[in-house]
Amino acid sequence: MRRGGLLEVALGFTVLLASYTSHGADANLEAGNVKETRASRAKRRGGGGHDALKGPNVCGSRYNAYCCPGWKTLPGGNQCIVPICRHSCGDGFCSRPNMCTCPSGQIAPSCGSRSTQPCNIPCLNGGTCSDDHCLCQKGYIGTHCGQ
């Protein structure tokens, strides 16, 4: 190989190396390298980078953060803002852990299924009705949990 050819190869290798070191990690992530993706995201979550878990429902330490029980992230997200309900919310939606907001506005562990004994009084502030009595959420009292 002549001297000019060797210089061209060395220069090409240097450019390739510089390109990889400045964009290599991103290229691996974009190419779908699953092992690289999982490992690097785990480090970033623990290290407080831009992928660190955020929001009011994050538990653990700065180096081992996780969503508090009853909460999860949106797929691909980093905020613990999606509540988890054990029971189906039927026509309603899961509004906080294990509590559904029903189409009527009532907040209950599930929607769409009637209890064996229907309640005749409305419960406020997340209270649930059982045998015509309101079971109030923490911090609320009164017949209808309004105080």
N, C-alpha and C. Protein backbone atom coordinates (compact mmCIF):
# COMPACT_ATOMS: atom_id res chain seq x y z
N MET A 1 0.86 -1.17 0.00
CA MET A 1 0.00 0.00 0.00
C MET A 1 0.90 1.23 0.00
N ARG A 2 0.57 2.17 -0.81
CA ARG A 2 1.39 3.37 -0.87
C ARG A 2 1.10 4.30 0.31
N ARG A 3 1.95 5.24 0.51
CA ARG A 3 1.88 6.10 1.69
C ARG A 3 0.59 6.92 1.70
N GLY A 4 0.13 7.44 0.59
CA GLY A 4 -1.11 8.23 0.52
C GLY A 4 -2.33 7.40 0.87
N GLY A 5 -2.34 6.12 0.44
CA GLY A 5 -3.46 5.23 0.75
C GLY A 5 -3.54 4.94 2.24
N LEU A 6 -2.39 4.75 2.86
CA LEU A 6 -2.36 4.50 4.29
C LEU A 6 -2.86 5.71 5.06
N LEU A 7 -2.49 6.89 4.61
CA LEU A 7 -2.95 8.12 5.24
C LEU A 7 -4.47 8.25 5.12
N GLU A 8 -5.02 7.91 3.95
CA GLU A 8 -6.47 7.98 3.76
C GLU A 8 -7.20 7.01 4.68
N VAL A 9 -6.67 5.80 4.86
CA VAL A 9 -7.28 4.81 5.74
C VAL A 9 -7.24 5.31 7.18
N ALA A 10 -6.10 5.86 7.61
CA ALA A 10 -5.97 6.37 8.97
C ALA A 10 -6.93 7.53 9.20
N LEU A 11 -7.04 8.41 8.23
CA LEU A 11 -7.95 9.55 8.35
C LEU A 11 -9.40 9.07 8.41
N GLY A 12 -9.75 8.11 7.58
CA GLY A 12 -11.11 7.56 7.59
C GLY A 12 -11.44 6.91 8.93
N PHE A 13 -10.47 6.17 9.48
CA PHE A 13 -10.67 5.53 10.78
C PHE A 13 -10.87 6.58 11.88
N THR A 14 -10.09 7.66 11.83
CA THR A 14 -10.21 8.73 12.83
C THR A 14 -11.59 9.38 12.75
N VAL A 15 -12.07 9.65 11.55
CA VAL A 15 -13.40 10.24 11.38
C VAL A 15 -14.47 9.30 11.90
N LEU A 16 -14.34 8.02 11.59
CA LEU A 16 -15.30 7.03 12.06
C LEU A 16 -15.31 6.96 13.58
N LEU A 17 -14.14 6.95 14.19
CA LEU A 17 -14.02 6.89 15.65
C LEU A 17 -14.62 8.13 16.29
N ALA A 18 -14.34 9.30 15.75
CA ALA A 18 -14.89 10.54 16.29
C ALA A 18 -16.41 10.56 16.15
N SER A 19 -16.91 10.08 15.04
CA SER A 19 -18.35 10.03 14.83
C SER A 19 -19.01 9.10 15.83
N TYR A 20 -18.39 7.95 16.08
CA TYR A 20 -18.97 6.99 17.02
C TYR A 20 -18.98 7.54 18.44
N THR A 21 -17.88 8.17 18.86
CA THR A 21 -17.82 8.66 20.24
C THR A 21 -18.78 9.80 20.48
N SER A 22 -19.09 10.60 19.46
CA SER A 22 -20.03 11.69 19.67
C SER A 22 -21.47 11.27 19.47
N HIS A 23 -21.72 10.24 18.65
CA HIS A 23 -23.09 9.82 18.36
C HIS A 23 -23.33 8.35 18.62
N GLY A 24 -22.32 7.64 19.06
CA GLY A 24 -22.40 6.18 19.16
C GLY A 24 -23.50 5.68 20.07
N ALA A 25 -23.61 6.24 21.26
CA ALA A 25 -24.63 5.75 22.19
C ALA A 25 -26.02 6.00 21.63
N ASP A 26 -26.24 7.20 21.05
CA ASP A 26 -27.55 7.49 20.48
C ASP A 26 -27.85 6.57 19.30
N ALA A 27 -26.83 6.29 18.48
CA ALA A 27 -27.04 5.41 17.33
C ALA A 27 -27.42 4.02 17.80
N ASN A 28 -26.78 3.53 18.86
CA ASN A 28 -27.14 2.21 19.38
C ASN A 28 -28.57 2.19 19.88
N LEU A 29 -29.00 3.26 20.55
CA LEU A 29 -30.37 3.31 21.05
C LEU A 29 -31.36 3.35 19.90
N GLU A 30 -31.05 4.17 18.87
CA GLU A 30 -31.97 4.28 17.75
C GLU A 30 -32.02 3.00 16.94
N ALA A 31 -30.93 2.26 16.89
CA ALA A 31 -30.89 1.04 16.11
C ALA A 31 -31.65 -0.09 16.81
N GLY A 32 -32.10 0.14 18.02
CA GLY A 32 -32.89 -0.86 18.72
C GLY A 32 -32.06 -1.85 19.50
N ASN A 33 -30.88 -1.47 19.91
CA ASN A 33 -30.04 -2.35 20.71
C ASN A 33 -30.66 -2.43 22.10
N VAL A 34 -31.47 -3.46 22.35
CA VAL A 34 -32.27 -3.56 23.56
C VAL A 34 -31.40 -3.64 24.80
N LYS A 35 -30.32 -4.42 24.77
CA LYS A 35 -29.45 -4.52 25.94
C LYS A 35 -28.89 -3.16 26.31
N GLU A 36 -28.41 -2.43 25.33
CA GLU A 36 -27.85 -1.10 25.56
C GLU A 36 -28.92 -0.17 26.11
N THR A 37 -30.12 -0.22 25.56
CA THR A 37 -31.20 0.66 25.97
C THR A 37 -31.56 0.43 27.43
N ARG A 38 -31.77 -0.83 27.81
CA ARG A 38 -32.15 -1.12 29.19
C ARG A 38 -31.08 -0.70 30.17
N ALA A 39 -29.84 -1.02 29.86
CA ALA A 39 -28.75 -0.70 30.79
C ALA A 39 -28.59 0.80 30.95
N SER A 40 -28.60 1.54 29.85
CA SER A 40 -28.38 2.97 29.94
C SER A 40 -29.55 3.68 30.62
N ARG A 41 -30.77 3.23 30.38
CA ARG A 41 -31.91 3.87 31.03
C ARG A 41 -31.91 3.61 32.53
N ALA A 42 -31.51 2.42 32.92
CA ALA A 42 -31.45 2.12 34.35
C ALA A 42 -30.45 3.05 35.02
N LYS A 43 -29.32 3.28 34.38
CA LYS A 43 -28.32 4.18 34.94
C LYS A 43 -28.86 5.60 35.02
N ARG A 44 -29.53 6.05 33.96
CA ARG A 44 -30.02 7.42 33.96
C ARG A 44 -31.10 7.63 35.01
N ARG A 45 -31.98 6.66 35.18
CA ARG A 45 -33.01 6.80 36.19
C ARG A 45 -32.39 6.94 37.57
N GLY A 46 -31.39 6.12 37.84
CA GLY A 46 -30.75 6.19 39.14
C GLY A 46 -29.88 7.43 39.28
N GLY A 47 -29.36 7.93 38.18
CA GLY A 47 -28.42 9.03 38.24
C GLY A 47 -29.04 10.41 38.17
N GLY A 48 -30.34 10.51 37.99
CA GLY A 48 -30.98 11.81 37.98
C GLY A 48 -30.89 12.54 36.65
N GLY A 49 -30.67 11.85 35.54
CA GLY A 49 -30.60 12.48 34.23
C GLY A 49 -31.97 12.86 33.72
N HIS A 50 -32.05 13.10 32.40
CA HIS A 50 -33.32 13.54 31.82
C HIS A 50 -34.36 12.43 31.81
N ASP A 51 -33.95 11.16 31.98
CA ASP A 51 -34.90 10.05 32.06
C ASP A 51 -35.27 9.71 33.49
N ALA A 52 -34.82 10.49 34.47
CA ALA A 52 -35.11 10.19 35.88
C ALA A 52 -36.61 10.24 36.13
N LEU A 53 -37.08 9.36 37.00
CA LEU A 53 -38.50 9.36 37.35
C LEU A 53 -38.85 10.67 38.02
N LYS A 54 -40.02 11.21 37.68
CA LYS A 54 -40.45 12.51 38.19
C LYS A 54 -41.89 12.42 38.65
N GLY A 55 -42.32 13.44 39.33
CA GLY A 55 -43.72 13.54 39.74
C GLY A 55 -43.91 13.34 41.23
N PRO A 56 -45.14 13.51 41.67
CA PRO A 56 -45.43 13.44 43.10
C PRO A 56 -45.46 12.02 43.65
N ASN A 57 -45.44 11.00 42.83
CA ASN A 57 -45.62 9.62 43.29
C ASN A 57 -44.37 8.78 43.09
N VAL A 58 -43.20 9.38 43.31
CA VAL A 58 -41.93 8.67 43.16
C VAL A 58 -41.42 8.31 44.55
N CYS A 59 -41.07 7.05 44.74
CA CYS A 59 -40.54 6.57 46.01
C CYS A 59 -39.10 6.13 45.83
N GLY A 60 -38.46 5.79 46.92
CA GLY A 60 -37.09 5.32 46.87
C GLY A 60 -36.12 6.47 47.07
N SER A 61 -34.90 6.23 46.67
CA SER A 61 -33.85 7.23 46.83
C SER A 61 -33.47 7.82 45.48
N ARG A 62 -32.58 8.76 45.53
CA ARG A 62 -32.11 9.40 44.30
C ARG A 62 -31.45 8.38 43.37
N TYR A 63 -30.84 7.35 43.95
CA TYR A 63 -30.13 6.36 43.15
C TYR A 63 -30.96 5.12 42.85
N ASN A 64 -32.10 4.97 43.51
CA ASN A 64 -32.96 3.81 43.28
C ASN A 64 -34.42 4.27 43.32
N ALA A 65 -34.81 5.08 42.36
CA ALA A 65 -36.17 5.62 42.32
C ALA A 65 -37.11 4.64 41.64
N TYR A 66 -38.35 4.60 42.12
CA TYR A 66 -39.38 3.77 41.52
C TYR A 66 -40.73 4.40 41.82
N CYS A 67 -41.74 4.03 41.04
CA CYS A 67 -43.08 4.56 41.28
C CYS A 67 -43.61 3.97 42.59
N CYS A 68 -44.23 4.81 43.40
CA CYS A 68 -44.82 4.36 44.66
C CYS A 68 -45.90 3.32 44.36
N PRO A 69 -46.19 2.45 45.34
CA PRO A 69 -47.25 1.46 45.14
C PRO A 69 -48.56 2.13 44.71
N GLY A 70 -49.20 1.55 43.71
CA GLY A 70 -50.45 2.09 43.21
C GLY A 70 -50.29 3.04 42.04
N TRP A 71 -49.06 3.31 41.62
CA TRP A 71 -48.81 4.25 40.52
C TRP A 71 -47.87 3.62 39.50
N LYS A 72 -47.97 4.07 38.24
CA LYS A 72 -47.07 3.63 37.18
C LYS A 72 -46.88 4.77 36.20
N THR A 73 -45.96 4.57 35.26
CA THR A 73 -45.71 5.58 34.23
C THR A 73 -46.50 5.23 32.97
N LEU A 74 -46.69 6.20 32.13
CA LEU A 74 -47.22 5.93 30.79
C LEU A 74 -46.14 5.16 30.04
N PRO A 75 -46.51 4.35 29.04
CA PRO A 75 -45.48 3.63 28.27
C PRO A 75 -44.46 4.61 27.69
N GLY A 76 -43.21 4.38 28.00
CA GLY A 76 -42.14 5.24 27.51
C GLY A 76 -41.97 6.53 28.29
N GLY A 77 -42.78 6.75 29.31
CA GLY A 77 -42.72 7.98 30.08
C GLY A 77 -41.82 7.87 31.30
N ASN A 78 -41.70 8.98 32.02
CA ASN A 78 -40.87 8.99 33.22
C ASN A 78 -41.58 9.66 34.39
N GLN A 79 -42.89 9.86 34.30
CA GLN A 79 -43.64 10.45 35.39
C GLN A 79 -44.60 9.43 35.97
N CYS A 80 -44.56 9.25 37.28
CA CYS A 80 -45.43 8.29 37.97
C CYS A 80 -46.79 8.95 38.21
N ILE A 81 -47.60 9.04 37.16
CA ILE A 81 -48.86 9.77 37.26
C ILE A 81 -50.08 8.93 36.89
N VAL A 82 -49.89 7.66 36.58
CA VAL A 82 -51.01 6.81 36.17
C VAL A 82 -51.39 5.91 37.35
N PRO A 83 -52.60 6.09 37.91
CA PRO A 83 -53.02 5.25 39.04
C PRO A 83 -53.34 3.83 38.57
N ILE A 84 -53.19 2.88 39.48
CA ILE A 84 -53.48 1.48 39.19
C ILE A 84 -54.68 1.06 40.03
N CYS A 85 -55.70 0.49 39.39
CA CYS A 85 -56.88 -0.02 40.09
C CYS A 85 -56.91 -1.53 39.98
N ARG A 86 -57.10 -2.21 41.11
CA ARG A 86 -57.17 -3.68 41.11
C ARG A 86 -58.42 -4.17 40.41
N HIS A 87 -59.53 -3.47 40.61
CA HIS A 87 -60.80 -3.88 40.04
C HIS A 87 -61.11 -3.06 38.79
N SER A 88 -61.95 -3.59 37.95
CA SER A 88 -62.34 -2.89 36.73
C SER A 88 -63.17 -1.66 37.08
N CYS A 89 -62.92 -0.58 36.39
CA CYS A 89 -63.70 0.64 36.61
C CYS A 89 -64.93 0.68 35.70
N GLY A 90 -65.16 -0.35 34.91
CA GLY A 90 -66.35 -0.40 34.06
C GLY A 90 -66.42 0.79 33.13
N ASP A 91 -67.51 1.56 33.22
CA ASP A 91 -67.69 2.74 32.38
C ASP A 91 -66.95 3.96 32.93
N GLY A 92 -66.40 3.85 34.13
CA GLY A 92 -65.66 4.95 34.74
C GLY A 92 -64.18 4.87 34.39
N PHE A 93 -63.37 5.57 35.18
CA PHE A 93 -61.92 5.53 34.97
C PHE A 93 -61.20 5.51 36.31
N CYS A 94 -60.02 4.96 36.30
CA CYS A 94 -59.19 4.87 37.51
C CYS A 94 -58.64 6.27 37.79
N SER A 95 -59.05 6.87 38.91
CA SER A 95 -58.67 8.25 39.20
C SER A 95 -57.61 8.37 40.28
N ARG A 96 -57.43 7.35 41.09
CA ARG A 96 -56.37 7.26 42.08
C ARG A 96 -56.24 5.79 42.43
N PRO A 97 -55.18 5.38 43.10
CA PRO A 97 -55.00 3.94 43.33
C PRO A 97 -56.23 3.26 43.95
N ASN A 98 -56.70 2.23 43.26
CA ASN A 98 -57.84 1.40 43.69
C ASN A 98 -59.13 2.18 43.88
N MET A 99 -59.26 3.33 43.22
CA MET A 99 -60.50 4.11 43.28
C MET A 99 -60.87 4.57 41.87
N CYS A 100 -62.13 4.35 41.52
CA CYS A 100 -62.65 4.71 40.20
C CYS A 100 -63.56 5.92 40.31
N THR A 101 -63.55 6.76 39.30
CA THR A 101 -64.54 7.82 39.18
C THR A 101 -65.57 7.31 38.18
N CYS A 102 -66.79 7.13 38.67
CA CYS A 102 -67.87 6.55 37.87
C CYS A 102 -68.56 7.64 37.04
N PRO A 103 -69.30 7.26 36.00
CA PRO A 103 -70.00 8.25 35.17
C PRO A 103 -70.92 9.17 35.97
N SER A 104 -71.44 8.70 37.10
CA SER A 104 -72.32 9.52 37.93
C SER A 104 -71.54 10.54 38.74
N GLY A 105 -70.21 10.43 38.76
CA GLY A 105 -69.38 11.32 39.55
C GLY A 105 -68.97 10.72 40.89
N GLN A 106 -69.59 9.61 41.25
CA GLN A 106 -69.25 8.94 42.50
C GLN A 106 -67.86 8.31 42.39
N ILE A 107 -67.13 8.33 43.49
CA ILE A 107 -65.82 7.69 43.53
C ILE A 107 -65.96 6.42 44.35
N ALA A 108 -65.60 5.29 43.75
CA ALA A 108 -65.80 3.99 44.39
C ALA A 108 -64.70 3.02 43.92
N PRO A 109 -64.53 1.89 44.63
CA PRO A 109 -63.52 0.91 44.20
C PRO A 109 -63.80 0.31 42.83
N SER A 110 -65.04 0.30 42.37
CA SER A 110 -65.37 -0.18 41.03
C SER A 110 -66.65 0.50 40.56
N CYS A 111 -66.88 0.49 39.26
CA CYS A 111 -68.09 1.08 38.68
C CYS A 111 -68.81 0.01 37.87
N GLY A 112 -70.09 0.21 37.67
CA GLY A 112 -70.84 -0.67 36.79
C GLY A 112 -71.45 -1.87 37.47
N SER A 113 -71.03 -2.20 38.67
CA SER A 113 -71.66 -3.32 39.37
C SER A 113 -72.38 -2.79 40.60
N ARG A 114 -73.60 -3.20 40.74
CA ARG A 114 -74.41 -2.74 41.87
C ARG A 114 -74.12 -3.63 43.07
N SER A 115 -74.09 -3.02 44.23
CA SER A 115 -73.91 -3.80 45.44
C SER A 115 -75.21 -4.51 45.75
N THR A 116 -75.17 -5.47 46.66
CA THR A 116 -76.37 -6.21 47.00
C THR A 116 -77.41 -5.31 47.64
N GLN A 117 -76.98 -4.25 48.29
CA GLN A 117 -77.91 -3.32 48.91
C GLN A 117 -77.59 -1.92 48.39
N PRO A 118 -78.44 -1.34 47.52
CA PRO A 118 -78.15 -0.03 46.97
C PRO A 118 -78.20 1.06 48.05
N CYS A 119 -77.40 2.09 47.86
CA CYS A 119 -77.37 3.21 48.80
C CYS A 119 -78.28 4.32 48.32
N ASN A 120 -78.90 4.97 49.25
CA ASN A 120 -79.84 6.04 48.91
C ASN A 120 -79.30 7.42 49.24
N ILE A 121 -78.06 7.52 49.68
CA ILE A 121 -77.49 8.83 50.01
C ILE A 121 -76.21 9.04 49.19
N PRO A 122 -75.95 10.29 48.79
CA PRO A 122 -74.71 10.57 48.07
C PRO A 122 -73.55 10.80 49.05
N CYS A 123 -72.39 10.32 48.70
CA CYS A 123 -71.19 10.54 49.51
C CYS A 123 -70.26 11.47 48.74
N LEU A 124 -69.71 12.46 49.42
CA LEU A 124 -68.85 13.45 48.79
C LEU A 124 -67.37 13.17 49.07
N ASN A 125 -66.50 13.87 48.37
CA ASN A 125 -65.05 13.86 48.62
C ASN A 125 -64.43 12.47 48.63
N GLY A 126 -64.89 11.61 47.74
CA GLY A 126 -64.30 10.29 47.62
C GLY A 126 -64.84 9.26 48.60
N GLY A 127 -65.86 9.63 49.38
CA GLY A 127 -66.46 8.67 50.31
C GLY A 127 -67.24 7.62 49.54
N THR A 128 -67.34 6.43 50.12
CA THR A 128 -68.11 5.35 49.50
C THR A 128 -69.27 4.99 50.40
N CYS A 129 -70.36 4.56 49.78
CA CYS A 129 -71.58 4.25 50.50
C CYS A 129 -71.68 2.75 50.76
N SER A 130 -72.05 2.41 51.98
CA SER A 130 -72.27 1.03 52.35
C SER A 130 -73.42 0.99 53.35
N ASP A 131 -74.47 0.25 53.01
CA ASP A 131 -75.66 0.15 53.89
C ASP A 131 -76.21 1.52 54.27
N ASP A 132 -76.32 2.41 53.30
CA ASP A 132 -76.85 3.77 53.50
C ASP A 132 -76.05 4.60 54.50
N HIS A 133 -74.76 4.33 54.62
CA HIS A 133 -73.85 5.14 55.43
C HIS A 133 -72.61 5.42 54.58
N CYS A 134 -72.09 6.64 54.71
CA CYS A 134 -70.89 6.99 53.97
C CYS A 134 -69.64 6.60 54.75
N LEU A 135 -68.72 5.97 54.06
CA LEU A 135 -67.40 5.68 54.60
C LEU A 135 -66.47 6.74 54.01
N CYS A 136 -66.05 7.68 54.86
CA CYS A 136 -65.33 8.86 54.38
C CYS A 136 -63.84 8.58 54.19
N GLN A 137 -63.26 9.29 53.23
CA GLN A 137 -61.81 9.25 53.03
C GLN A 137 -61.14 10.00 54.18
N LYS A 138 -59.87 9.71 54.40
CA LYS A 138 -59.10 10.36 55.45
C LYS A 138 -59.18 11.87 55.31
N GLY A 139 -59.50 12.55 56.40
CA GLY A 139 -59.58 14.00 56.39
C GLY A 139 -61.00 14.54 56.24
N TYR A 140 -61.98 13.67 55.99
CA TYR A 140 -63.37 14.11 55.83
C TYR A 140 -64.26 13.39 56.84
N ILE A 141 -65.28 14.13 57.31
CA ILE A 141 -66.25 13.57 58.26
C ILE A 141 -67.64 14.04 57.87
N GLY A 142 -68.64 13.55 58.57
CA GLY A 142 -70.01 13.98 58.36
C GLY A 142 -70.84 12.90 57.68
N THR A 143 -72.15 13.09 57.70
CA THR A 143 -73.07 12.12 57.12
C THR A 143 -72.77 11.86 55.65
N HIS A 144 -72.39 12.92 54.92
CA HIS A 144 -72.10 12.81 53.49
C HIS A 144 -70.62 13.05 53.18
N CYS A 145 -69.77 13.03 54.21
CA CYS A 145 -68.32 13.28 54.05
C CYS A 145 -68.05 14.68 53.51
N GLY A 146 -68.89 15.61 53.85
CA GLY A 146 -68.75 16.97 53.32
C GLY A 146 -67.96 17.91 54.21
N GLN A 147 -67.54 17.47 55.37
CA GLN A 147 -66.82 18.37 56.30
C GLN A 147 -65.39 17.94 56.46
